[in-house]
Protein backbone atom coordinates (compact mmCIF):
# COMPACT_ATOMS: atom_id res chain seq x y z
CA MET A 1 0.00 0.00 0.00
CA LYS A 2 2.80 2.40 0.90
CA LYS A 3 4.49 1.68 -2.43
CA LEU A 4 1.20 2.34 -4.26
CA LEU A 5 0.67 5.64 -2.45
CA LEU A 6 4.28 6.60 -3.15
CA GLY A 7 3.80 5.76 -6.84
CA LEU A 8 0.63 7.82 -7.06
CA THR A 9 2.34 10.72 -5.32
CA LEU A 10 5.23 10.60 -7.78
CA VAL A 11 2.85 10.45 -10.77
CA LEU A 12 0.87 13.41 -9.41
CA ALA A 13 4.05 15.36 -8.75
CA ALA A 14 5.26 14.63 -12.27
CA ALA A 15 1.93 15.75 -13.73
CA ILE A 16 2.02 19.00 -11.77
CA GLY A 17 5.58 19.53 -12.93
CA VAL A 18 4.59 19.04 -16.57
CA LEU A 19 1.75 21.53 -16.19
CA TYR A 20 3.98 24.07 -14.46
CA PHE A 21 6.88 23.83 -16.87
CA SER A 22 4.74 23.33 -20.01
CA PRO A 23 2.37 26.26 -20.41
CA ALA A 24 1.03 24.71 -23.63
CA THR A 25 -0.09 21.65 -21.68
CA LEU A 26 -1.62 23.83 -18.99
CA MET A 27 -3.47 25.86 -21.63
CA ALA A 28 -4.75 22.74 -23.38
CA SER A 29 -5.94 21.33 -20.05
CA ALA A 30 -7.73 24.56 -19.17
CA GLN A 31 -9.40 24.69 -22.58
CA LEU A 32 -10.52 21.07 -22.24
CA VAL A 33 -12.15 21.81 -18.88
CA GLU A 34 -13.84 24.94 -20.25
CA ARG A 35 -15.12 23.03 -23.29
CA GLN A 36 -16.56 20.29 -21.12
CA LEU A 37 -18.23 22.82 -18.84
CA ALA A 38 -19.69 24.52 -21.91
CA GLY A 39 -20.87 21.23 -23.42
CA LEU A 40 -18.83 21.79 -26.58
CA THR A 41 -16.74 19.44 -28.72
CA ALA A 42 -13.75 20.44 -30.88
CA LYS A 43 -14.24 19.66 -34.59
CA HIS A 44 -12.88 20.69 -37.97
CA LEU A 45 -14.20 20.80 -41.51
CA GLU A 46 -12.59 21.21 -44.94
CA VAL A 47 -14.28 24.02 -46.85
CA SER A 48 -12.96 25.36 -50.17
CA ASP A 49 -9.42 24.13 -49.48
CA LEU A 50 -9.50 25.62 -45.99
CA SER A 51 -9.46 23.69 -42.74
CA ILE A 52 -11.97 25.36 -40.41
CA HIS A 53 -11.75 24.46 -36.72
CA TYR A 54 -14.76 25.01 -34.51
CA TYR A 55 -16.58 24.05 -31.33
CA GLU A 56 -20.05 22.55 -31.49
CA GLY A 57 -22.55 21.57 -28.84
CA GLY A 58 -26.16 21.55 -27.77
CA PRO A 59 -29.15 19.77 -29.32
CA ALA A 60 -28.74 19.16 -33.04
CA ASP A 61 -32.41 20.05 -33.61
CA GLY A 62 -32.17 23.30 -31.67
CA GLU A 63 -31.91 26.70 -33.32
CA THR A 64 -28.31 27.44 -34.30
CA ILE A 65 -26.27 30.21 -32.72
CA LEU A 66 -23.06 30.95 -34.65
CA MET A 67 -20.43 32.86 -32.65
CA VAL A 68 -17.83 34.93 -34.53
CA HIS A 69 -14.71 36.22 -32.75
CA GLY A 70 -12.79 39.44 -33.29
CA PHE A 71 -9.36 40.45 -34.58
CA GLY A 72 -6.44 38.53 -33.08
CA ALA A 73 -8.86 36.25 -31.21
CA ASN A 74 -10.27 32.75 -31.65
CA LYS A 75 -13.15 30.46 -30.75
CA ASP A 76 -12.01 30.14 -27.11
CA ASN A 77 -13.25 33.69 -26.52
CA TRP A 78 -16.79 32.30 -26.39
CA LEU A 79 -16.35 29.35 -24.02
CA ARG A 80 -17.60 30.87 -20.75
CA PHE A 81 -20.40 32.66 -22.58
CA ALA A 82 -21.46 29.65 -24.67
CA LYS A 83 -22.11 27.39 -21.68
CA HIS A 84 -25.29 29.38 -20.96
CA PHE A 85 -26.82 28.33 -24.30
CA THR A 86 -25.88 24.72 -25.07
CA GLN A 87 -28.78 23.27 -23.09
CA ARG A 88 -31.28 24.92 -25.41
CA TYR A 89 -29.49 25.88 -28.64
CA HIS A 90 -27.24 24.27 -31.23
CA VAL A 91 -24.08 26.32 -30.62
CA ILE A 92 -21.12 26.75 -32.97
CA ALA A 93 -18.05 28.92 -32.34
CA LEU A 94 -15.46 28.88 -35.10
CA ASP A 95 -11.91 29.99 -35.74
CA LEU A 96 -12.19 32.28 -38.74
CA PRO A 97 -9.65 31.54 -41.48
CA GLY A 98 -6.45 33.32 -40.51
CA PHE A 99 -6.99 32.83 -36.78
CA GLY A 100 -6.78 30.15 -34.12
CA GLU A 101 -6.32 26.65 -35.50
CA SER A 102 -7.94 27.33 -38.87
CA SER A 103 -5.95 27.64 -42.11
CA LYS A 104 -3.84 30.76 -42.60
CA PRO A 105 -3.22 30.91 -46.35
CA GLU A 106 -1.59 33.79 -48.19
CA ALA A 107 -4.95 35.28 -49.06
CA SER A 108 -7.30 38.16 -48.36
CA TYR A 109 -8.82 38.57 -44.90
CA ASP A 110 -11.03 41.60 -45.48
CA VAL A 111 -14.51 41.33 -43.97
CA GLY A 112 -16.23 40.84 -47.33
CA THR A 113 -14.10 37.80 -48.11
CA GLN A 114 -14.62 36.42 -44.61
CA VAL A 115 -18.39 36.77 -44.98
CA GLU A 116 -18.36 34.54 -48.05
CA ARG A 117 -16.10 32.02 -46.29
CA LEU A 118 -18.55 32.01 -43.41
CA ALA A 119 -21.43 31.42 -45.82
CA ALA A 120 -19.55 28.48 -47.35
CA PHE A 121 -18.95 27.09 -43.84
CA THR A 122 -22.64 27.23 -42.88
CA LYS A 123 -23.61 25.67 -46.22
CA ALA A 124 -21.15 22.82 -45.65
CA LEU A 125 -22.73 22.19 -42.24
CA GLY A 126 -26.23 22.27 -43.75
CA ILE A 127 -27.35 25.23 -41.64
CA GLU A 128 -30.35 26.90 -43.26
CA LYS A 129 -31.29 29.35 -40.49
CA LEU A 130 -29.17 30.81 -37.69
CA HIS A 131 -28.72 33.42 -35.02
CA LEU A 132 -25.45 35.33 -35.49
CA ILE A 133 -23.43 36.91 -32.71
CA GLY A 134 -20.10 38.61 -33.29
CA ASN A 135 -17.62 40.72 -31.37
CA SER A 136 -15.46 43.54 -32.78
CA MET A 137 -14.28 42.47 -36.27
CA GLY A 138 -16.58 39.46 -35.85
CA GLY A 139 -19.47 41.87 -35.34
CA HIS A 140 -18.53 43.70 -38.54
CA ILE A 141 -18.55 40.34 -40.37
CA SER A 142 -21.84 39.29 -38.74
CA ALA A 143 -23.60 42.52 -39.68
CA LEU A 144 -22.38 42.28 -43.27
CA TYR A 145 -23.45 38.62 -43.39
CA ALA A 146 -26.95 39.56 -42.16
CA ALA A 147 -27.17 42.26 -44.83
CA ARG A 148 -26.00 39.97 -47.65
CA HIS A 149 -27.82 36.80 -46.57
CA PRO A 150 -31.02 38.11 -44.95
CA GLU A 151 -33.01 34.98 -45.79
CA GLN A 152 -30.78 32.89 -43.53
CA VAL A 153 -30.46 35.11 -40.45
CA LEU A 154 -33.03 34.86 -37.63
CA SER A 155 -31.29 37.50 -35.51
CA VAL A 156 -27.93 39.22 -35.21
CA ALA A 157 -26.17 40.43 -32.07
CA LEU A 158 -23.31 42.88 -32.45
CA LEU A 159 -20.98 43.19 -29.47
CA ASP A 160 -18.75 46.29 -29.71
CA ASN A 161 -18.62 45.81 -33.47
CA ALA A 162 -16.30 47.42 -35.97
CA GLY A 163 -17.42 48.92 -39.28
CA VAL A 164 -18.96 52.23 -38.21
CA THR A 165 -17.55 55.75 -38.04
CA ALA A 166 -18.39 56.78 -34.48
CA PRO A 167 -19.27 60.39 -33.58
CA LYS A 168 -16.62 60.21 -30.86
CA LYS A 169 -13.24 58.83 -31.87
CA SER A 170 -12.07 55.85 -29.86
CA GLU A 171 -8.69 55.79 -28.13
CA LEU A 172 -7.50 53.18 -30.65
CA PHE A 173 -8.43 55.45 -33.55
CA GLU A 174 -6.56 58.38 -31.98
CA ILE A 175 -3.47 56.20 -31.36
CA LEU A 176 -3.40 55.04 -34.97
CA GLN A 177 -3.97 58.58 -36.25
CA ARG A 178 -0.87 59.71 -34.36
CA GLY A 179 1.14 56.99 -36.06
CA GLU A 180 1.83 55.14 -32.82
CA PRO A 181 2.12 51.31 -32.64
CA ASN A 182 -1.15 49.41 -32.88
CA PRO A 183 -2.03 48.23 -29.34
CA LEU A 184 -3.93 45.27 -30.83
CA VAL A 185 -0.74 43.75 -32.30
CA VAL A 186 1.66 42.30 -29.72
CA LYS A 187 5.40 42.46 -30.41
CA SER A 188 6.77 42.23 -26.87
CA PRO A 189 5.67 40.95 -23.44
CA GLU A 190 5.03 44.57 -22.45
CA ASP A 191 2.73 44.95 -25.46
CA PHE A 192 0.68 41.99 -24.25
CA SER A 193 0.17 43.57 -20.81
CA ARG A 194 -0.82 46.78 -22.56
CA LEU A 195 -3.29 44.91 -24.80
CA VAL A 196 -5.00 43.24 -21.84
CA SER A 197 -5.37 46.57 -20.04
CA PHE A 198 -6.57 48.21 -23.24
CA VAL A 199 -9.31 45.66 -23.96
CA PHE A 200 -10.64 45.00 -20.45
CA VAL A 201 -11.71 47.13 -17.50
CA GLU A 202 -11.29 44.10 -15.22
CA PRO A 203 -9.09 41.53 -17.00
CA PRO A 204 -9.94 37.86 -16.36
CA PRO A 205 -7.44 36.46 -13.84
CA LEU A 206 -4.78 34.18 -15.34
CA PRO A 207 -1.67 32.55 -13.85
CA ASP A 208 1.61 34.26 -14.80
CA THR A 209 2.64 31.10 -16.66
CA LEU A 210 -0.38 31.34 -18.98
CA ASN A 211 0.01 35.08 -19.42
CA ARG A 212 3.57 34.55 -20.63
CA TYR A 213 2.49 31.73 -22.93
CA LEU A 214 -0.32 33.81 -24.46
CA ALA A 215 2.11 36.70 -24.93
CA GLU A 216 4.56 34.40 -26.75
CA ARG A 217 1.81 33.13 -29.05
CA ALA A 218 0.66 36.67 -29.83
CA ILE A 219 4.23 37.79 -30.56
CA ALA A 220 4.71 34.82 -32.91
CA ASN A 221 1.62 35.92 -34.88
CA SER A 222 2.45 39.65 -34.95
CA ALA A 223 3.56 39.85 -38.59
CA HIS A 224 0.48 37.89 -39.70
CA TYR A 225 -1.83 40.13 -37.67
CA ASP A 226 -0.12 43.26 -39.00
CA LYS A 227 -0.91 42.07 -42.52
CA ILE A 228 -4.55 41.31 -41.69
CA PHE A 229 -5.08 44.64 -39.93
CA LYS A 230 -3.62 46.45 -42.94
CA GLN A 231 -6.03 44.61 -45.24
CA LEU A 232 -8.96 45.47 -42.97
CA MET A 233 -8.05 49.15 -43.25
CA GLU A 234 -7.23 49.20 -46.98
CA ARG A 235 -10.28 47.12 -47.98
CA TYR A 236 -12.63 48.61 -45.42
CA ILE A 237 -16.35 48.06 -45.99
CA PRO A 238 -18.45 50.63 -44.10
CA LEU A 239 -21.59 49.28 -42.47
CA GLU A 240 -23.64 52.46 -42.77
CA PRO A 241 -24.98 51.57 -46.27
CA GLU A 242 -25.41 47.90 -45.27
CA LEU A 243 -27.35 48.20 -42.01
CA PRO A 244 -30.70 49.16 -43.63
CA LYS A 245 -30.53 45.87 -45.58
CA ILE A 246 -30.64 43.80 -42.38
CA GLN A 247 -34.13 42.37 -41.95
CA ALA A 248 -33.57 40.48 -38.70
CA PRO A 249 -33.89 41.81 -35.14
CA THR A 250 -30.51 43.27 -34.17
CA LEU A 251 -28.97 43.62 -30.71
CA LEU A 252 -26.37 46.35 -30.23
CA LEU A 253 -24.51 45.50 -27.03
CA TRP A 254 -21.55 47.62 -25.95
CA GLY A 255 -19.22 48.12 -23.01
CA ASP A 256 -19.40 51.73 -21.86
CA LYS A 257 -15.63 51.82 -21.24
CA ASP A 258 -14.60 50.40 -24.62
CA ARG A 259 -11.30 52.00 -25.67
CA VAL A 260 -11.06 50.09 -28.95
CA LEU A 261 -14.40 51.08 -30.53
CA ASP A 262 -16.38 53.87 -28.96
CA VAL A 263 -19.87 53.28 -27.60
CA SER A 264 -21.13 56.31 -29.56
CA SER A 265 -21.17 54.00 -32.60
CA ILE A 266 -24.64 53.00 -31.40
CA GLU A 267 -25.90 56.51 -32.21
CA VAL A 268 -25.05 55.89 -35.87
CA MET A 269 -26.29 52.30 -36.08
CA GLN A 270 -29.60 52.37 -34.24
CA PRO A 271 -31.47 54.71 -36.66
CA LEU A 272 -30.30 52.66 -39.67
CA LEU A 273 -31.63 49.33 -38.39
CA LYS A 274 -35.19 48.07 -38.89
CA LYS A 275 -35.47 46.22 -35.57
CA PRO A 276 -32.80 47.43 -33.14
CA SER A 277 -32.37 46.68 -29.44
CA VAL A 278 -29.68 48.38 -27.36
CA VAL A 279 -27.80 47.34 -24.22
CA ILE A 280 -24.91 49.34 -22.76
CA MET A 281 -23.04 47.46 -20.05
CA GLN A 282 -21.54 49.55 -17.30
CA ASN A 283 -17.85 49.41 -16.33
CA THR A 284 -17.17 47.00 -19.21
CA GLY A 285 -14.57 47.03 -21.97
CA HIS A 286 -14.32 45.77 -25.52
CA ALA A 287 -15.14 42.06 -25.03
CA PRO A 288 -18.19 41.75 -22.74
CA MET A 289 -18.59 38.01 -23.31
CA ILE A 290 -15.13 37.45 -21.80
CA GLU A 291 -15.12 40.14 -19.13
CA ARG A 292 -18.71 39.60 -17.93
CA PRO A 293 -19.89 36.33 -19.53
CA GLU A 294 -22.88 35.68 -17.27
CA GLU A 295 -24.29 39.19 -17.48
CA THR A 296 -23.72 39.29 -21.25
CA ALA A 297 -25.47 35.93 -21.59
CA GLU A 298 -28.46 37.22 -19.64
CA HIS A 299 -28.81 40.20 -21.98
CA TYR A 300 -28.43 37.98 -25.04
CA GLN A 301 -30.98 35.44 -23.81
CA ALA A 302 -33.47 38.23 -23.13
CA PHE A 303 -32.91 39.42 -26.72
CA LEU A 304 -33.41 35.90 -28.13
CA ASP A 305 -36.60 35.53 -26.10
CA SER A 306 -37.89 38.84 -27.47
CA VAL A 307 -37.23 37.65 -31.03
CA LYS A 308 -39.63 34.74 -30.46
CA SER A 309 -42.35 36.79 -28.79
C-alpha cells in the first residue's frame, strides 16, 4: 500500500511539474475543462481548401447560434459565454480563417471575403437558419453577413462591433492617427500587458505562466496580424450603407468603457436598423462576453426571447 501511495504521489508530482513547466499543456488542459463545462466538442471541416476548426454543442435540432470572434482572437473567446446556451441551442463557435487553428493561407482577410467564407462554412454544415453573434471584427462580419444573406439570419447580435464611423473617436483610432504602434498587435511581453489593459476594465485572472504563454503566441503571430489589420483598413467596408438591408432583429450591445471602438457607434447604427435593441453594459470594456460572460449571456438570452415573442 505504501508503495502504491508513493507511486501515485510521484505520478501526481510529475503531472504537476509538466503543467507548471509546459504552459502549452496547462493551456490545453484549461481549454478542455472549459469546453466540457460549456458542453462543446472540438471539430474541424474542410471548406474550399480551408481547414476550419470550430466548437459545437447543444441539441442538433435546436436553433443554431453561430459565434464569430474578433481580430487577433479565436473560438475560445466564447467558451464561458457559450455554456449558458448549449442546453437549449445548437451552438457553434469557429476559428475564422487566418486565426486560431484554422488555415492561414496567403490570401485576403477583409470582412467581405470572410463573410463569403462564413457562408460556405454554414452551407457545408447544412445550416439553413441561424442566429449570429459577433464581437469587434466578428461583429462587422456578422452585420455584413446579415445584410447579404437576410433569408438565412433569424437575428444578429453585435458586441462592440467594428465597421462604423463613431461620432466620438475611440482611443484606438486616436493612437493610430498619431502613427503610434497598434495596441492590438503584440510584439513584446510589455505589449501583451498593454493589450489586456486596453481591452478590459477588469481583465480575467490568469496565472503568470499562462500570461507569458499567451504573450509568446501573440508575438509569434504579430507579422500575420499586422498584414490582416492592414487589409482590414485598406479594404474597409463601411456598415452604414449595409445596415438598412438587415431584416432580422438586431442587438447592439456595448461596453461603456470600450477604448477600442467607442460606444457612440450605437448613435449611428440604431437609426439605420429596422429592428434594433440596445444594451450598454456599465464598467465594461471591448469584449463583454469574456469580461462579464454571465451578465452578457443574460442580456443575449433576453434578446433571443424577445425575437420569439
